[in-house]
N, C-alpha and C. Protein backbone atom coordinates (compact mmCIF):
# COMPACT_ATOMS: atom_id res chain seq x y z
N UNK A 1 67.82 69.70 196.24
CA UNK A 1 68.14 70.09 194.92
C UNK A 1 67.48 70.66 194.47
N UNK A 2 68.11 71.55 193.86
CA UNK A 2 67.45 72.83 193.09
C UNK A 2 66.61 72.93 192.29
N UNK A 3 65.17 73.07 192.26
CA UNK A 3 64.20 72.93 191.09
C UNK A 3 64.19 73.88 189.83
N UNK A 4 63.35 73.00 189.00
CA UNK A 4 63.90 73.82 187.30
C UNK A 4 64.86 73.86 187.08
N UNK A 5 65.96 73.17 187.57
CA UNK A 5 67.66 73.42 186.53
C UNK A 5 68.36 71.77 185.56
N UNK A 6 67.30 71.62 185.66
CA UNK A 6 67.28 70.03 185.06
C UNK A 6 66.35 70.14 184.40
N UNK A 7 67.28 69.32 183.13
CA UNK A 7 67.22 69.15 181.39
C UNK A 7 65.53 68.37 181.19
N UNK A 8 64.24 67.89 180.96
CA UNK A 8 63.74 67.18 180.66
C UNK A 8 63.65 66.01 179.63
N UNK A 9 63.20 65.04 180.20
CA UNK A 9 64.04 64.26 179.30
C UNK A 9 62.89 63.58 178.90
N UNK A 10 63.48 63.09 177.28
CA UNK A 10 61.38 62.59 176.69
C UNK A 10 62.51 61.48 175.22
N UNK A 11 61.43 61.09 175.32
CA UNK A 11 61.26 60.25 174.09
C UNK A 11 62.23 60.90 172.55
N UNK A 12 62.35 60.48 171.63
CA UNK A 12 62.89 61.12 170.37
C UNK A 12 63.65 60.15 169.84
N UNK A 13 63.82 60.38 167.84
CA UNK A 13 64.02 59.70 167.00
C UNK A 13 65.07 60.25 166.31
N UNK A 14 66.22 59.29 166.94
CA UNK A 14 67.02 59.58 165.45
C UNK A 14 68.04 59.10 164.68
N UNK A 15 67.71 59.41 163.93
CA UNK A 15 67.69 59.03 162.14
C UNK A 15 69.76 59.13 161.33
N UNK A 16 69.91 58.07 161.74
CA UNK A 16 71.36 57.86 160.48
C UNK A 16 70.82 58.23 158.74
N UNK A 17 70.99 59.20 158.65
CA UNK A 17 71.13 59.76 156.99
C UNK A 17 72.09 58.99 156.07
N UNK A 18 73.08 57.74 156.22
CA UNK A 18 74.26 58.04 155.34
C UNK A 18 74.08 56.36 155.32
N UNK A 19 73.05 55.38 155.59
CA UNK A 19 71.98 54.98 156.40
C UNK A 19 70.67 54.04 156.71
N UNK A 20 70.31 55.10 156.40
CA UNK A 20 68.26 54.93 156.97
C UNK A 20 69.02 53.83 157.83
N UNK A 21 69.25 54.58 158.78
CA UNK A 21 68.46 53.32 160.53
C UNK A 21 68.40 54.47 161.56
N UNK A 22 67.43 54.34 162.02
CA UNK A 22 67.13 55.03 162.98
C UNK A 22 66.96 54.93 164.11
N UNK A 23 66.72 54.79 165.54
CA UNK A 23 65.77 54.08 166.48
C UNK A 23 65.73 55.27 167.56
N UNK A 24 65.13 54.68 168.50
CA UNK A 24 64.29 55.07 169.74
C UNK A 24 65.46 55.19 170.97
N UNK A 25 64.74 57.23 171.25
CA UNK A 25 65.83 56.68 172.45
C UNK A 25 65.10 57.84 173.41
N UNK A 26 65.59 57.34 175.22
CA UNK A 26 65.32 58.76 175.37
C UNK A 26 66.00 60.72 175.40
N UNK A 27 66.36 61.75 175.54
CA UNK A 27 67.00 62.99 175.29
C UNK A 27 66.79 63.96 175.63
N UNK A 28 67.36 64.71 176.02
CA UNK A 28 67.13 65.94 176.52
C UNK A 28 67.30 66.60 174.90
N UNK A 29 67.45 66.97 174.05
CA UNK A 29 67.61 67.33 172.63
C UNK A 29 66.39 67.43 172.21
N UNK A 30 65.92 68.96 171.11
CA UNK A 30 64.92 69.74 171.22
C UNK A 30 65.29 70.40 169.38
N UNK A 31 64.35 69.29 168.70
CA UNK A 31 64.13 69.53 167.74
C UNK A 31 62.97 70.41 167.09
N UNK A 32 62.36 71.01 166.11
CA UNK A 32 61.47 71.33 165.59
C UNK A 32 60.98 70.23 164.70
N UNK A 33 61.18 69.78 164.45
CA UNK A 33 61.08 67.98 163.51
C UNK A 33 60.38 67.39 164.17
N UNK A 34 59.79 66.50 163.05
CA UNK A 34 58.87 65.41 163.80
C UNK A 34 58.91 64.02 162.95
N UNK A 35 58.55 62.67 163.62
CA UNK A 35 58.23 61.73 162.45
C UNK A 35 57.73 60.57 163.76
N UNK A 36 56.84 59.75 162.27
CA UNK A 36 56.22 58.44 162.65
C UNK A 36 56.61 57.49 163.07
N UNK A 37 56.68 57.03 164.62
CA UNK A 37 57.58 55.90 164.81
C UNK A 37 56.82 54.12 164.51
N UNK A 38 57.32 53.67 164.70
CA UNK A 38 56.33 52.41 164.67
C UNK A 38 55.66 52.22 165.40
N UNK A 39 55.88 52.86 165.93
CA UNK A 39 54.70 52.93 167.42
C UNK A 39 53.27 53.39 166.78
N UNK A 40 53.21 53.90 166.12
CA UNK A 40 52.38 55.00 165.57
C UNK A 40 51.98 56.52 166.35
N UNK A 41 53.31 55.97 166.93
CA UNK A 41 52.83 57.50 167.75
C UNK A 41 53.61 58.93 167.31
N UNK A 42 53.97 59.76 166.97
CA UNK A 42 54.42 60.87 166.41
C UNK A 42 56.29 61.49 167.60
N UNK A 43 57.34 60.87 167.27
CA UNK A 43 58.04 62.24 168.93
C UNK A 43 59.14 63.48 167.29
N UNK A 44 60.14 63.68 168.28
CA UNK A 44 61.13 65.07 167.91
C UNK A 44 62.12 63.89 166.43
N UNK A 45 62.39 64.54 165.92
CA UNK A 45 63.49 63.71 164.49
C UNK A 45 64.46 64.49 164.95
N UNK A 46 65.89 63.72 165.35
CA UNK A 46 67.10 64.48 164.94
C UNK A 46 67.89 63.58 164.38
N UNK A 47 68.09 64.28 163.47
CA UNK A 47 68.84 63.62 161.70
C UNK A 47 70.74 64.16 162.33
N UNK A 48 71.23 62.75 162.27
CA UNK A 48 72.36 62.60 162.19
C UNK A 48 73.25 61.50 161.21
N UNK A 49 74.40 62.53 160.93
CA UNK A 49 75.54 61.99 160.05
C UNK A 49 75.62 61.01 159.97
N UNK A 50 76.47 59.91 161.45
CA UNK A 50 77.04 58.79 161.48
C UNK A 50 76.61 58.43 162.89
N UNK A 51 75.99 56.79 163.09
CA UNK A 51 75.44 55.93 163.75
C UNK A 51 76.11 54.71 164.37
N UNK A 52 75.53 53.98 164.83
CA UNK A 52 76.97 52.62 165.22
C UNK A 52 76.55 51.68 163.57
N UNK A 53 75.55 52.20 163.24
CA UNK A 53 74.57 51.52 161.77
C UNK A 53 76.26 52.71 160.43
N UNK A 54 76.86 53.68 160.65
CA UNK A 54 76.98 53.26 159.22
C UNK A 54 78.96 54.01 159.57
N UNK A 55 79.22 54.07 161.39
CA UNK A 55 80.76 54.78 161.81
C UNK A 55 81.59 53.10 161.32
N UNK A 56 82.63 53.51 160.57
CA UNK A 56 83.71 52.32 160.58
C UNK A 56 83.95 51.61 161.70
N UNK A 57 84.08 52.23 162.68
CA UNK A 57 84.44 51.05 164.03
C UNK A 57 83.15 50.03 164.43
N UNK A 58 81.84 50.01 164.00
CA UNK A 58 80.79 49.74 164.58
C UNK A 58 80.62 48.24 163.26
N UNK A 59 80.95 48.96 161.89
CA UNK A 59 80.64 48.47 160.79
C UNK A 59 81.86 47.46 160.23
N UNK A 60 83.61 47.30 160.87
CA UNK A 60 83.93 46.40 160.08
C UNK A 60 84.97 47.13 159.11
N UNK A 61 84.43 48.17 158.89
CA UNK A 61 85.26 48.41 157.13
C UNK A 61 86.29 49.89 157.90
N UNK A 62 86.97 49.59 159.08
CA UNK A 62 87.92 50.55 159.61
C UNK A 62 88.81 50.74 158.85
N UNK A 63 89.65 51.26 158.59
CA UNK A 63 90.92 51.48 158.00
C UNK A 63 91.92 51.26 158.77
N UNK A 64 93.12 50.61 158.42
CA UNK A 64 94.27 50.18 159.41
C UNK A 64 95.35 50.75 158.71
N UNK A 65 96.09 52.09 159.86
CA UNK A 65 96.38 52.62 159.58
C UNK A 65 98.45 51.61 159.37
N UNK A 66 98.99 52.72 158.43
CA UNK A 66 100.01 52.04 158.34
C UNK A 66 100.71 52.42 159.45
N UNK A 67 102.11 51.33 158.96
CA UNK A 67 103.41 51.42 160.65
C UNK A 67 104.13 51.70 160.14
N UNK A 68 104.26 52.68 158.49
CA UNK A 68 105.35 53.00 158.28
C UNK A 68 105.66 54.43 158.47
N UNK A 69 106.01 55.02 158.01
CA UNK A 69 106.15 56.77 158.84
C UNK A 69 106.24 57.48 157.45
N UNK A 70 105.53 58.74 156.83
CA UNK A 70 105.85 59.26 155.73
C UNK A 70 106.82 59.06 155.31
N UNK A 71 108.36 59.66 155.93
CA UNK A 71 108.78 59.54 155.02
C UNK A 71 109.33 57.88 154.67
N UNK A 72 109.44 57.00 154.65
CA UNK A 72 109.77 55.72 154.64
C UNK A 72 108.50 55.91 153.20
N UNK A 73 107.63 56.06 153.29
CA UNK A 73 106.46 55.35 153.16
C UNK A 73 106.87 56.03 151.10
N UNK A 74 107.03 57.49 151.58
CA UNK A 74 107.45 58.64 149.97
C UNK A 74 108.77 58.01 149.75
N UNK A 75 109.64 56.96 149.96
CA UNK A 75 110.91 56.23 149.46
C UNK A 75 110.14 55.15 149.32
N UNK A 76 109.60 54.76 149.57
CA UNK A 76 109.40 53.49 148.89
C UNK A 76 108.70 53.45 148.34
N UNK A 77 107.90 54.69 147.78
CA UNK A 77 106.64 54.87 146.58
C UNK A 77 107.84 55.39 145.68
N UNK A 78 108.84 56.83 145.67
CA UNK A 78 109.95 57.40 144.71
C UNK A 78 110.89 56.76 144.83
N UNK A 79 111.79 55.55 145.38
CA UNK A 79 112.97 55.06 145.84
C UNK A 79 113.74 56.31 146.66
N UNK A 80 114.97 56.14 146.17
CA UNK A 80 115.51 57.22 146.44
C UNK A 80 115.92 58.64 145.77
N UNK A 81 114.73 59.03 144.89
CA UNK A 81 114.95 60.00 144.54
C UNK A 81 114.67 61.89 145.41
N UNK A 82 114.42 60.84 146.82
CA UNK A 82 114.30 62.95 147.51
C UNK A 82 115.56 62.09 148.69
N UNK A 83 115.89 61.34 148.54
CA UNK A 83 117.25 60.94 149.93
C UNK A 83 118.57 61.80 149.44
N UNK A 84 118.54 63.45 150.06
CA UNK A 84 119.92 64.22 149.90
C UNK A 84 120.77 63.46 149.70
N UNK A 85 122.50 63.83 149.03
CA UNK A 85 123.70 63.11 148.76
C UNK A 85 124.38 64.12 149.99
């Protein structure tokens, strides 16, 4: 295996900005920001917009895709006004 080509893993805190949820994991990510974690230690901080606490798939607030096509939805909404005679 070649030396000095593999990134170094280290503990990093990821913080979800939309749900105020944070978790500590290992990553190769480099950041300039740091934060104090629950154990009193200071770790690099990576701010993310979506995590498992805010993503619709994981929260159960997922929208169900409509089964009708766009044309059918248009006709349902506006009646036969959109049909060519």
